[in-house]
């Protein structure tokens, strides 16, 4: 369940447009260990589709997202 997730790292991509959130996510994931959870904060509407597709293409697990006031929290588990 999304509410109970404690991320190992948070990446603030609010205000960034495609492709920057994906590029920053890729870099952050490379610095993390398998099984860790990355939380990405985003405002770009394209990220809603881009992050799940990115996770699928790279083998990471897209856990889900949670809409906040003015931004969305996305969660990925490192492969």
Protein backbone atom coordinates (compact mmCIF):
# COMPACT_ATOMS: atom_id res chain seq x y z
CA UNK A 1 0.00 0.00 0.00
CA UNK A 2 1.37 3.40 -1.03
CA UNK A 3 0.64 5.10 2.32
CA UNK A 4 2.95 2.73 4.19
CA UNK A 5 5.99 3.11 1.93
CA UNK A 6 9.18 4.44 3.50
CA UNK A 7 11.53 5.43 0.67
CA UNK A 8 15.27 4.93 0.94
CA UNK A 9 15.84 8.05 -1.15
CA UNK A 10 13.69 10.97 -2.36
CA UNK A 11 14.32 12.74 -5.65
CA UNK A 12 12.68 16.15 -6.09
CA UNK A 13 11.84 16.69 -9.77
CA UNK A 14 9.09 19.25 -9.20
CA UNK A 15 9.18 21.97 -11.84
CA UNK A 16 11.24 19.87 -14.27
CA UNK A 17 9.94 18.92 -17.72
CA UNK A 18 10.51 15.79 -19.75
CA UNK A 19 13.07 14.29 -20.13
CA UNK A 20 14.76 15.63 -16.96
CA UNK A 21 12.70 13.63 -14.40
CA UNK A 22 13.56 10.37 -16.18
CA UNK A 23 17.24 11.28 -16.57
CA UNK A 24 17.52 12.21 -12.88
CA UNK A 25 15.64 9.04 -11.90
CA UNK A 26 18.03 6.91 -13.97
CA UNK A 27 21.04 8.50 -12.26
CA UNK A 28 19.54 8.12 -8.76
CA UNK A 29 18.67 4.45 -9.34
CA UNK A 30 22.24 3.72 -10.45
CA UNK A 31 23.47 4.90 -7.02
CA UNK A 32 21.05 2.69 -5.09
CA UNK A 33 21.10 -0.98 -4.03
CA UNK A 34 18.74 -3.71 -5.22
CA UNK A 35 15.46 -3.70 -3.31
CA UNK A 36 15.69 -0.09 -2.19
CA UNK A 37 12.79 2.27 -2.90
CA UNK A 38 13.13 5.59 -4.70
CA UNK A 39 10.47 8.24 -4.24
CA UNK A 40 10.21 10.77 -7.09
CA UNK A 41 8.32 14.03 -6.61
CA UNK A 42 7.05 15.38 -9.92
CA UNK A 43 4.82 17.99 -11.52
CA UNK A 44 5.27 17.19 -15.24
CA UNK A 45 2.08 15.53 -16.57
CA UNK A 46 4.17 13.35 -18.92
CA UNK A 47 5.81 11.65 -15.93
CA UNK A 48 2.54 9.81 -15.21
CA UNK A 49 3.15 7.69 -18.32
CA UNK A 50 6.93 7.99 -18.58
CA UNK A 51 7.89 6.51 -15.20
CA UNK A 52 5.92 3.25 -15.47
CA UNK A 53 7.25 2.76 -19.02
CA UNK A 54 10.80 3.54 -17.90
CA UNK A 55 10.52 1.03 -15.03
CA UNK A 56 9.19 -1.68 -17.36
CA UNK A 57 11.94 -1.08 -19.93
CA UNK A 58 14.75 -1.11 -17.34
CA UNK A 59 13.52 -3.94 -15.09
CA UNK A 60 12.77 -1.81 -12.04
CA UNK A 61 9.45 -2.23 -10.26
CA UNK A 62 6.93 0.60 -10.54
CA UNK A 63 5.11 0.45 -7.20
CA UNK A 64 2.64 3.25 -7.83
CA UNK A 65 1.93 6.90 -7.23
CA UNK A 66 0.11 9.17 -4.82
CA UNK A 67 -1.36 12.56 -5.74
CA UNK A 68 -0.45 15.34 -3.33
CA UNK A 69 -1.43 19.02 -3.37
CA UNK A 70 0.27 20.32 -6.51
CA UNK A 71 2.52 17.33 -7.27
CA UNK A 72 2.64 13.54 -7.46
CA UNK A 73 4.79 11.08 -5.51
CA UNK A 74 6.00 8.11 -7.56
CA UNK A 75 7.63 5.00 -6.13
CA UNK A 76 10.11 2.64 -7.81
CA UNK A 77 11.87 -0.40 -6.35
CA UNK A 78 15.41 -0.92 -7.62
CA UNK A 79 15.92 -4.20 -9.50
